[in-house]
Amino acid sequence: MPAAEVHGPIDYVLLEFTGNRLTGRAAEELVRLVDRGIVHVYDVMVVGKDANGSVYLVDLATSSGQAGGFAELDGARTGILAEDDLREVAGAMQPGTMAALIVYENTWAVPFVAAAMESGGQMIAGGRIPAQDVMEVLDALESLEPTN
């Protein structure tokens, strides 16, 4: 099966930053993942919510300072994210924050997916466990281990 017909899992993440914490560090790491071929970014949306609750979309093409480094991903616009996504993001945000909504493909998984499909496998379920949940469980399990 040609690799062009195979995709890795496609995910989204919504990151909220309080105050002036959208420094560019997260965007910098995302660009590194793209450059290394680990992920492919389909869409990025940066949204602000002022202290009064008014919501605004940050134009990545013209607002590099306010976009916290995500302006470098301005070309990631497939149209997957739309106006209704802006409303969903706004509903999840706290006043006085900025948020980045990112839709990305896990391109590292393409060879695995292709091999599974070539072997007759098909995805019948999938999901995501938030990293914070995993860390809490691992911490709890670690505290149960006997100490020497």
C-alpha atoms as a PDB file:
ATOM      1  CA  MET A   1       0.000   0.000   0.000  1.00  0.00           C
ATOM      2  CA  PRO A   2       1.514   3.348  -0.996  1.00  0.00           C
ATOM      3  CA  ALA A   3       2.467   5.539   1.952  1.00  0.00           C
ATOM      4  CA  ALA A   4       0.457   8.418   0.425  1.00  0.00           C
ATOM      5  CA  GLU A   5      -2.738   6.435   1.103  1.00  0.00           C
ATOM      6  CA  VAL A   6      -1.842   5.801   4.738  1.00  0.00           C
ATOM      7  CA  HIS A   7      -2.115   8.279   7.576  1.00  0.00           C
ATOM      8  CA  GLY A   8      -1.138   8.137  11.204  1.00  0.00           C
ATOM      9  CA  PRO A   9      -3.616   8.932  13.957  1.00  0.00           C
ATOM     10  CA  ILE A  10      -4.903  12.498  13.797  1.00  0.00           C
ATOM     11  CA  ASP A  11      -5.247  14.287  17.115  1.00  0.00           C
ATOM     12  CA  TYR A  12      -5.986  17.707  18.448  1.00  0.00           C
ATOM     13  CA  VAL A  13      -4.785  19.469  21.541  1.00  0.00           C
ATOM     14  CA  LEU A  14      -6.089  22.642  23.146  1.00  0.00           C
ATOM     15  CA  LEU A  15      -3.470  24.416  25.236  1.00  0.00           C
ATOM     16  CA  GLU A  16      -4.511  27.306  27.478  1.00  0.00           C
ATOM     17  CA  PHE A  17      -1.976  29.878  28.663  1.00  0.00           C
ATOM     18  CA  THR A  18      -2.668  32.395  31.413  1.00  0.00           C
ATOM     19  CA  GLY A  19      -1.695  36.020  31.118  1.00  0.00           C
ATOM     20  CA  ASN A  20       1.510  36.524  29.181  1.00  0.00           C
ATOM     21  CA  ARG A  21       2.671  32.892  29.402  1.00  0.00           C
ATOM     22  CA  LEU A  22       2.330  32.273  25.650  1.00  0.00           C
ATOM     23  CA  THR A  23       6.077  32.797  25.235  1.00  0.00           C
ATOM     24  CA  GLY A  24       6.772  30.772  22.100  1.00  0.00           C
ATOM     25  CA  ARG A  25       8.428  27.806  23.797  1.00  0.00           C
ATOM     26  CA  ALA A  26       5.547  25.396  23.035  1.00  0.00           C
ATOM     27  CA  ALA A  27       5.411  26.507  19.400  1.00  0.00           C
ATOM     28  CA  GLU A  28       9.174  26.105  19.114  1.00  0.00           C
ATOM     29  CA  GLU A  29       8.962  22.480  20.247  1.00  0.00           C
ATOM     30  CA  LEU A  30       6.048  21.808  17.901  1.00  0.00           C
ATOM     31  CA  VAL A  31       8.074  23.155  14.964  1.00  0.00           C
ATOM     32  CA  ARG A  32      10.926  20.836  15.982  1.00  0.00           C
ATOM     33  CA  LEU A  33       8.545  17.858  15.904  1.00  0.00           C
ATOM     34  CA  VAL A  34       7.397  18.883  12.432  1.00  0.00           C
ATOM     35  CA  ASP A  35      10.986  19.348  11.235  1.00  0.00           C
ATOM     36  CA  ARG A  36      11.893  15.868  12.500  1.00  0.00           C
ATOM     37  CA  GLY A  37       8.899  14.306  10.702  1.00  0.00           C
ATOM     38  CA  ILE A  38       7.258  13.124  13.933  1.00  0.00           C
ATOM     39  CA  VAL A  39       4.058  15.095  13.396  1.00  0.00           C
ATOM     40  CA  HIS A  40       2.383  16.958  10.556  1.00  0.00           C
ATOM     41  CA  VAL A  41       0.343  20.002  11.578  1.00  0.00           C
ATOM     42  CA  TYR A  42      -2.926  20.391   9.692  1.00  0.00           C
ATOM     43  CA  ASP A  43      -4.321  23.458  11.417  1.00  0.00           C
ATOM     44  CA  VAL A  44      -3.453  25.908  14.190  1.00  0.00           C
ATOM     45  CA  MET A  45      -5.858  28.376  15.750  1.00  0.00           C
ATOM     46  CA  VAL A  46      -4.756  30.854  18.444  1.00  0.00           C
ATOM     47  CA  VAL A  47      -7.577  32.418  20.416  1.00  0.00           C
ATOM     48  CA  GLY A  48      -7.605  35.050  23.151  1.00  0.00           C
ATOM     49  CA  LYS A  49     -10.218  35.726  25.808  1.00  0.00           C
ATOM     50  CA  ASP A  50      -9.899  39.055  27.578  1.00  0.00           C
ATOM     51  CA  ALA A  51     -10.731  39.699  31.235  1.00  0.00           C
ATOM     52  CA  ASN A  52     -14.302  40.649  30.260  1.00  0.00           C
ATOM     53  CA  GLY A  53     -14.819  37.359  28.414  1.00  0.00           C
ATOM     54  CA  SER A  54     -14.654  38.792  24.897  1.00  0.00           C
ATOM     55  CA  VAL A  55     -13.116  36.305  22.484  1.00  0.00           C
ATOM     56  CA  TYR A  56     -10.836  37.134  19.571  1.00  0.00           C
ATOM     57  CA  LEU A  57      -8.986  35.105  16.970  1.00  0.00           C
ATOM     58  CA  VAL A  58      -5.297  35.880  16.555  1.00  0.00           C
ATOM     59  CA  ASP A  59      -4.314  36.201  12.904  1.00  0.00           C
ATOM     60  CA  LEU A  60      -1.104  34.185  12.687  1.00  0.00           C
ATOM     61  CA  ALA A  61      -0.080  35.936   9.485  1.00  0.00           C
ATOM     62  CA  THR A  62      -0.007  39.415  11.040  1.00  0.00           C
ATOM     63  CA  SER A  63       0.262  38.960  14.818  1.00  0.00           C
ATOM     64  CA  SER A  64       3.578  37.225  15.367  1.00  0.00           C
ATOM     65  CA  GLY A  65       4.157  38.832  18.785  1.00  0.00           C
ATOM     66  CA  GLN A  66       0.737  37.928  20.144  1.00  0.00           C
ATOM     67  CA  ALA A  67       0.764  34.448  18.613  1.00  0.00           C
ATOM     68  CA  GLY A  68       3.512  33.184  20.922  1.00  0.00           C
ATOM     69  CA  GLY A  69       5.618  31.620  18.193  1.00  0.00           C
ATOM     70  CA  PHE A  70       2.697  29.890  16.491  1.00  0.00           C
ATOM     71  CA  ALA A  71       2.954  32.437  13.648  1.00  0.00           C
ATOM     72  CA  GLU A  72       5.674  30.197  12.212  1.00  0.00           C
ATOM     73  CA  LEU A  73       2.900  27.640  11.599  1.00  0.00           C
ATOM     74  CA  ASP A  74       0.708  30.136   9.739  1.00  0.00           C
ATOM     75  CA  GLY A  75       0.819  27.937   6.633  1.00  0.00           C
ATOM     76  CA  ALA A  76      -0.892  25.100   8.508  1.00  0.00           C
ATOM     77  CA  ARG A  77      -4.400  25.801   7.249  1.00  0.00           C
ATOM     78  CA  THR A  78      -6.300  22.917   5.752  1.00  0.00           C
ATOM     79  CA  GLY A  79      -9.734  24.108   6.744  1.00  0.00           C
ATOM     80  CA  ILE A  80     -10.311  21.343   9.282  1.00  0.00           C
ATOM     81  CA  LEU A  81     -10.778  24.015  11.953  1.00  0.00           C
ATOM     82  CA  ALA A  82     -13.804  26.209  11.379  1.00  0.00           C
ATOM     83  CA  GLU A  83     -15.949  28.886  13.048  1.00  0.00           C
ATOM     84  CA  ASP A  84     -17.734  26.360  15.281  1.00  0.00           C
ATOM     85  CA  ASP A  85     -14.344  25.252  16.633  1.00  0.00           C
ATOM     86  CA  LEU A  86     -13.670  28.849  17.666  1.00  0.00           C
ATOM     87  CA  ARG A  87     -16.895  28.803  19.693  1.00  0.00           C
ATOM     88  CA  GLU A  88     -15.932  25.472  21.326  1.00  0.00           C
ATOM     89  CA  VAL A  89     -12.484  26.809  22.234  1.00  0.00           C
ATOM     90  CA  ALA A  90     -13.973  30.009  23.660  1.00  0.00           C
ATOM     91  CA  GLY A  91     -16.371  27.999  25.818  1.00  0.00           C
ATOM     92  CA  ALA A  92     -13.508  26.012  27.316  1.00  0.00           C
ATOM     93  CA  MET A  93     -11.288  29.037  28.046  1.00  0.00           C
ATOM     94  CA  GLN A  94     -11.033  31.108  31.194  1.00  0.00           C
ATOM     95  CA  PRO A  95     -11.078  34.937  30.956  1.00  0.00           C
ATOM     96  CA  GLY A  96      -7.620  36.486  30.638  1.00  0.00           C
ATOM     97  CA  THR A  97      -6.106  33.559  28.747  1.00  0.00           C
ATOM     98  CA  MET A  98      -4.770  32.649  25.348  1.00  0.00           C
ATOM     99  CA  ALA A  99      -5.244  29.213  23.781  1.00  0.00           C
ATOM    100  CA  ALA A 100      -3.763  27.311  20.876  1.00  0.00           C
ATOM    101  CA  LEU A 101      -5.859  24.647  19.164  1.00  0.00           C
ATOM    102  CA  ILE A 102      -3.662  22.346  17.085  1.00  0.00           C
ATOM    103  CA  VAL A 103      -4.780  19.523  14.774  1.00  0.00           C
ATOM    104  CA  TYR A 104      -1.892  17.217  13.919  1.00  0.00           C
ATOM    105  CA  GLU A 105      -1.114  13.834  12.434  1.00  0.00           C
ATOM    106  CA  ASN A 106       1.203  11.418  14.207  1.00  0.00           C
ATOM    107  CA  THR A 107       3.336  10.740  11.132  1.00  0.00           C
ATOM    108  CA  TRP A 108       5.710   8.538  13.138  1.00  0.00           C
ATOM    109  CA  ALA A 109       2.912   5.945  13.084  1.00  0.00           C
ATOM    110  CA  VAL A 110       2.495   5.769   9.284  1.00  0.00           C
ATOM    111  CA  PRO A 111       4.829   2.740   8.806  1.00  0.00           C
ATOM    112  CA  PHE A 112       3.093   0.938  11.681  1.00  0.00           C
ATOM    113  CA  VAL A 113      -0.375   1.689  10.297  1.00  0.00           C
ATOM    114  CA  ALA A 114       0.705   0.601   6.794  1.00  0.00           C
ATOM    115  CA  ALA A 115       2.120  -2.685   8.139  1.00  0.00           C
ATOM    116  CA  ALA A 116      -1.049  -3.364  10.104  1.00  0.00           C
ATOM    117  CA  MET A 117      -3.236  -2.654   7.066  1.00  0.00           C
ATOM    118  CA  GLU A 118      -1.064  -4.797   4.790  1.00  0.00           C
ATOM    119  CA  SER A 119      -1.482  -7.639   7.293  1.00  0.00           C
ATOM    120  CA  GLY A 120      -5.257  -7.294   7.175  1.00  0.00           C
ATOM    121  CA  GLY A 121      -5.549  -5.320  10.403  1.00  0.00           C
ATOM    122  CA  GLN A 122      -7.977  -2.494  10.855  1.00  0.00           C
ATOM    123  CA  MET A 123      -8.464   0.033  13.614  1.00  0.00           C
ATOM    124  CA  ILE A 124     -11.587  -0.822  15.559  1.00  0.00           C
ATOM    125  CA  ALA A 125     -11.057   1.480  18.549  1.00  0.00           C
ATOM    126  CA  GLY A 126      -8.736   4.201  19.715  1.00  0.00           C
ATOM    127  CA  GLY A 127      -8.456   6.764  22.435  1.00  0.00           C
ATOM    128  CA  ARG A 128      -6.219   9.087  24.328  1.00  0.00           C
ATOM    129  CA  ILE A 129      -5.353   9.107  28.017  1.00  0.00           C
ATOM    130  CA  PRO A 130      -4.366  12.596  29.189  1.00  0.00           C
ATOM    131  CA  ALA A 131      -0.716  12.758  30.298  1.00  0.00           C
ATOM    132  CA  GLN A 132      -1.711  14.230  33.666  1.00  0.00           C
ATOM    133  CA  ASP A 133      -3.905  11.184  34.372  1.00  0.00           C
ATOM    134  CA  VAL A 134      -1.066   8.791  33.553  1.00  0.00           C
ATOM    135  CA  MET A 135       1.383  10.724  35.745  1.00  0.00           C
ATOM    136  CA  GLU A 136      -1.054  10.657  38.677  1.00  0.00           C
ATOM    137  CA  VAL A 137      -1.539   6.882  38.386  1.00  0.00           C
ATOM    138  CA  LEU A 138       2.204   6.257  38.094  1.00  0.00           C
ATOM    139  CA  ASP A 139       2.870   8.478  41.125  1.00  0.00           C
ATOM    140  CA  ALA A 140       0.218   6.606  43.115  1.00  0.00           C
ATOM    141  CA  LEU A 141       1.687   3.239  42.117  1.00  0.00           C
ATOM    142  CA  GLU A 142       5.188   4.412  42.995  1.00  0.00           C
ATOM    143  CA  SER A 143       4.034   5.402  46.477  1.00  0.00           C
ATOM    144  CA  LEU A 144       2.748   1.834  46.999  1.00  0.00           C
ATOM    145  CA  GLU A 145       6.123   0.240  46.233  1.00  0.00           C
ATOM    146  CA  PRO A 146       7.953  -1.033  49.310  1.00  0.00           C
ATOM    147  CA  THR A 147      11.086   0.899  50.214  1.00  0.00           C
ATOM    148  CA  ASN A 148      14.293  -0.978  50.979  1.00  0.00           C
END
